[in-house]
């Protein structure tokens, strides 16, 4: 098991933020990144798989094991000390 930090969040732009940007009177030129529908669907599928894995681990008491508790406590202490 790997713990990658306390905060692990992926931010994706939503359609609402795009509307706000395009409604501005000033036009700005620059790089544009578009995420395809297929990529968004894939991300959603991966999230659902991760959630299912977490639910299974909760049911199997995986997170109550000494190994997991020790690793979580170790990461929290490391984060507090830095």
N, C-alpha and C. Protein backbone atom coordinates (compact mmCIF):
# COMPACT_ATOMS: atom_id res chain seq x y z
N UNK A 1 0.84 -1.18 0.00
CA UNK A 1 0.00 0.00 0.00
C UNK A 1 0.88 1.24 0.00
N UNK A 2 0.45 2.23 -0.72
CA UNK A 2 1.21 3.48 -0.81
C UNK A 2 0.30 4.63 -0.39
N UNK A 3 0.81 5.47 0.49
CA UNK A 3 0.08 6.68 0.89
C UNK A 3 0.81 7.85 0.27
N UNK A 4 0.11 8.64 -0.54
CA UNK A 4 0.76 9.70 -1.30
C UNK A 4 0.50 11.09 -0.75
N UNK A 5 0.28 11.23 0.50
CA UNK A 5 0.06 12.55 1.08
C UNK A 5 -1.36 12.69 1.59
N UNK A 6 -1.59 13.72 2.33
CA UNK A 6 -2.89 13.94 2.92
C UNK A 6 -3.87 14.44 1.88
N UNK A 7 -3.43 15.33 1.00
CA UNK A 7 -4.32 15.88 0.00
C UNK A 7 -3.91 15.32 -1.36
N UNK A 8 -4.84 14.60 -2.00
CA UNK A 8 -4.58 14.01 -3.31
C UNK A 8 -5.82 14.27 -4.15
N UNK A 9 -5.83 15.36 -4.89
CA UNK A 9 -7.02 15.77 -5.59
C UNK A 9 -6.67 16.17 -7.02
N UNK A 10 -7.48 15.72 -7.94
CA UNK A 10 -7.30 16.09 -9.34
C UNK A 10 -8.37 17.10 -9.68
N UNK A 11 -7.96 18.26 -10.19
CA UNK A 11 -8.92 19.30 -10.55
C UNK A 11 -9.10 19.31 -12.06
N UNK A 12 -10.34 19.16 -12.47
CA UNK A 12 -10.65 19.22 -13.89
C UNK A 12 -11.58 20.40 -14.13
N UNK A 13 -11.39 21.10 -15.21
CA UNK A 13 -12.30 22.22 -15.49
C UNK A 13 -13.69 21.70 -15.84
N UNK A 14 -14.69 22.42 -15.36
CA UNK A 14 -16.04 22.03 -15.72
C UNK A 14 -16.57 22.98 -16.79
N UNK A 15 -17.68 22.61 -17.37
CA UNK A 15 -18.23 23.40 -18.48
C UNK A 15 -18.62 24.81 -18.04
N UNK A 16 -19.01 24.99 -16.79
CA UNK A 16 -19.43 26.30 -16.30
C UNK A 16 -18.28 27.30 -16.33
N UNK A 17 -17.07 26.83 -15.97
CA UNK A 17 -15.93 27.76 -15.96
C UNK A 17 -15.59 28.20 -17.37
N UNK A 18 -15.81 27.35 -18.36
CA UNK A 18 -15.54 27.72 -19.74
C UNK A 18 -16.50 28.82 -20.19
N UNK A 19 -17.78 28.73 -19.76
CA UNK A 19 -18.75 29.75 -20.14
C UNK A 19 -18.39 31.11 -19.56
N UNK A 20 -17.88 31.13 -18.35
CA UNK A 20 -17.48 32.39 -17.73
C UNK A 20 -16.34 33.03 -18.49
N UNK A 21 -15.38 32.20 -18.92
CA UNK A 21 -14.24 32.73 -19.64
C UNK A 21 -14.64 33.28 -21.00
N UNK A 22 -15.54 32.61 -21.68
CA UNK A 22 -15.91 33.05 -23.02
C UNK A 22 -16.85 34.24 -23.00
N UNK A 23 -17.48 34.51 -21.87
CA UNK A 23 -18.40 35.64 -21.80
C UNK A 23 -17.70 36.97 -21.51
N UNK A 24 -16.40 36.94 -21.22
CA UNK A 24 -15.67 38.18 -20.97
C UNK A 24 -15.57 39.00 -22.24
N UNK A 25 -15.62 40.31 -22.10
CA UNK A 25 -15.54 41.20 -23.25
C UNK A 25 -14.14 41.21 -23.84
N UNK A 26 -13.14 41.11 -22.99
CA UNK A 26 -11.76 41.11 -23.45
C UNK A 26 -11.42 39.73 -23.99
N UNK A 27 -10.70 39.71 -25.08
CA UNK A 27 -10.25 38.42 -25.60
C UNK A 27 -8.78 38.26 -25.28
N UNK A 28 -8.45 37.08 -24.84
CA UNK A 28 -7.07 36.78 -24.49
C UNK A 28 -6.62 35.61 -25.36
N UNK A 29 -5.43 35.69 -25.86
CA UNK A 29 -4.89 34.60 -26.65
C UNK A 29 -3.90 33.83 -25.81
N UNK A 30 -3.88 32.56 -26.03
CA UNK A 30 -2.94 31.72 -25.29
C UNK A 30 -3.22 30.27 -25.60
N UNK A 31 -2.57 29.42 -24.88
CA UNK A 31 -2.74 27.99 -25.08
C UNK A 31 -4.10 27.54 -24.57
N UNK A 32 -4.66 26.57 -25.21
CA UNK A 32 -5.95 26.02 -24.82
C UNK A 32 -5.81 24.51 -24.72
N UNK A 33 -6.38 23.95 -23.66
CA UNK A 33 -6.38 22.51 -23.47
C UNK A 33 -7.83 22.06 -23.41
N UNK A 34 -8.15 21.08 -24.21
CA UNK A 34 -9.50 20.52 -24.19
C UNK A 34 -9.40 19.05 -23.79
N UNK A 35 -10.29 18.64 -22.92
CA UNK A 35 -10.34 17.25 -22.49
C UNK A 35 -11.51 16.59 -23.21
N UNK A 36 -11.22 15.55 -23.94
CA UNK A 36 -12.25 14.90 -24.75
C UNK A 36 -13.29 14.22 -23.86
N UNK A 37 -14.44 13.97 -24.44
CA UNK A 37 -15.51 13.27 -23.73
C UNK A 37 -15.04 11.88 -23.32
N UNK A 38 -14.28 11.23 -24.20
CA UNK A 38 -13.76 9.89 -23.89
C UNK A 38 -12.84 9.92 -22.66
N UNK A 39 -12.00 10.95 -22.58
CA UNK A 39 -11.10 11.08 -21.43
C UNK A 39 -11.89 11.34 -20.15
N UNK A 40 -12.90 12.19 -20.25
CA UNK A 40 -13.73 12.47 -19.07
C UNK A 40 -14.47 11.20 -18.63
N UNK A 41 -14.97 10.42 -19.60
CA UNK A 41 -15.65 9.17 -19.28
C UNK A 41 -14.69 8.19 -18.62
N UNK A 42 -13.46 8.14 -19.13
CA UNK A 42 -12.45 7.25 -18.56
C UNK A 42 -12.13 7.64 -17.12
N UNK A 43 -11.99 8.93 -16.88
CA UNK A 43 -11.72 9.41 -15.52
C UNK A 43 -12.86 9.01 -14.58
N UNK A 44 -14.09 9.17 -15.05
CA UNK A 44 -15.25 8.80 -14.24
C UNK A 44 -15.24 7.30 -13.94
N UNK A 45 -14.89 6.49 -14.92
CA UNK A 45 -14.85 5.04 -14.74
C UNK A 45 -13.78 4.67 -13.71
N UNK A 46 -12.61 5.31 -13.80
CA UNK A 46 -11.52 5.04 -12.85
C UNK A 46 -11.95 5.44 -11.44
N UNK A 47 -12.61 6.59 -11.31
CA UNK A 47 -13.08 7.02 -9.99
C UNK A 47 -14.06 6.02 -9.40
N UNK A 48 -14.98 5.52 -10.23
CA UNK A 48 -15.95 4.53 -9.76
C UNK A 48 -15.26 3.25 -9.31
N UNK A 49 -14.23 2.83 -10.05
CA UNK A 49 -13.48 1.63 -9.67
C UNK A 49 -12.76 1.85 -8.34
N UNK A 50 -12.18 3.03 -8.16
CA UNK A 50 -11.48 3.33 -6.92
C UNK A 50 -12.45 3.35 -5.74
N UNK A 51 -13.63 3.91 -5.94
CA UNK A 51 -14.63 3.95 -4.88
C UNK A 51 -15.06 2.54 -4.52
N UNK A 52 -15.27 1.70 -5.53
CA UNK A 52 -15.66 0.32 -5.27
C UNK A 52 -14.57 -0.42 -4.50
N UNK A 53 -13.31 -0.19 -4.86
CA UNK A 53 -12.20 -0.83 -4.16
C UNK A 53 -12.17 -0.38 -2.69
N UNK A 54 -12.38 0.89 -2.44
CA UNK A 54 -12.40 1.41 -1.07
C UNK A 54 -13.54 0.78 -0.28
N UNK A 55 -14.72 0.68 -0.88
CA UNK A 55 -15.86 0.06 -0.20
C UNK A 55 -15.56 -1.39 0.18
N UNK A 56 -14.93 -2.13 -0.75
CA UNK A 56 -14.58 -3.52 -0.46
C UNK A 56 -13.57 -3.60 0.68
N UNK A 57 -12.60 -2.70 0.66
CA UNK A 57 -11.60 -2.70 1.73
C UNK A 57 -12.23 -2.36 3.08
N UNK A 58 -13.18 -1.45 3.10
CA UNK A 58 -13.87 -1.12 4.35
C UNK A 58 -14.62 -2.34 4.86
N UNK A 59 -15.33 -3.03 3.98
CA UNK A 59 -16.08 -4.22 4.39
C UNK A 59 -15.17 -5.32 4.91
N UNK A 60 -13.98 -5.43 4.34
CA UNK A 60 -13.03 -6.46 4.75
C UNK A 60 -12.12 -6.03 5.90
N UNK A 61 -12.41 -4.87 6.49
CA UNK A 61 -11.64 -4.32 7.62
C UNK A 61 -10.17 -4.11 7.29
N UNK A 62 -9.88 -3.86 6.03
CA UNK A 62 -8.50 -3.62 5.60
C UNK A 62 -7.89 -2.43 6.33
N UNK A 63 -8.67 -1.37 6.49
CA UNK A 63 -8.14 -0.15 7.09
C UNK A 63 -7.98 -0.25 8.60
N UNK A 64 -8.45 -1.33 9.20
CA UNK A 64 -8.28 -1.53 10.64
C UNK A 64 -7.05 -2.36 10.97
N UNK A 65 -6.27 -2.73 9.96
CA UNK A 65 -5.08 -3.54 10.21
C UNK A 65 -3.98 -2.66 10.83
N UNK A 66 -3.14 -3.29 11.61
CA UNK A 66 -2.05 -2.56 12.27
C UNK A 66 -1.13 -1.91 11.25
N UNK A 67 -0.87 -2.60 10.13
CA UNK A 67 0.02 -2.06 9.11
C UNK A 67 -0.51 -0.75 8.55
N UNK A 68 -1.79 -0.70 8.23
CA UNK A 68 -2.38 0.51 7.65
C UNK A 68 -2.41 1.63 8.68
N UNK A 69 -2.81 1.32 9.88
CA UNK A 69 -2.87 2.33 10.94
C UNK A 69 -1.48 2.92 11.19
N UNK A 70 -0.45 2.09 11.21
CA UNK A 70 0.91 2.55 11.41
C UNK A 70 1.35 3.48 10.28
N UNK A 71 1.07 3.09 9.03
CA UNK A 71 1.47 3.91 7.89
C UNK A 71 0.75 5.26 7.88
N UNK A 72 -0.52 5.25 8.21
CA UNK A 72 -1.27 6.51 8.25
C UNK A 72 -0.71 7.42 9.35
N UNK A 73 -0.48 6.86 10.53
CA UNK A 73 0.07 7.66 11.63
C UNK A 73 1.45 8.20 11.27
N UNK A 74 2.26 7.38 10.62
CA UNK A 74 3.59 7.81 10.21
C UNK A 74 3.52 8.98 9.22
N UNK A 75 2.63 8.90 8.25
CA UNK A 75 2.48 9.97 7.26
C UNK A 75 1.95 11.26 7.90
N UNK A 76 1.02 11.12 8.83
CA UNK A 76 0.48 12.30 9.53
C UNK A 76 1.59 12.99 10.31
N UNK A 77 2.37 12.21 11.04
CA UNK A 77 3.48 12.81 11.80
C UNK A 77 4.49 13.48 10.89
N UNK A 78 4.82 12.84 9.78
CA UNK A 78 5.77 13.43 8.83
C UNK A 78 5.21 14.75 8.27
N UNK A 79 3.93 14.78 7.98
CA UNK A 79 3.30 15.99 7.44
C UNK A 79 3.29 17.10 8.50
N UNK A 80 3.02 16.78 9.73
CA UNK A 80 2.99 17.77 10.82
C UNK A 80 4.38 18.35 11.06
N UNK A 81 5.39 17.51 11.00
CA UNK A 81 6.75 17.94 11.29
C UNK A 81 7.38 18.78 10.18
N UNK A 82 6.86 18.67 8.98
CA UNK A 82 7.49 19.42 7.88
C UNK A 82 6.86 20.78 7.66
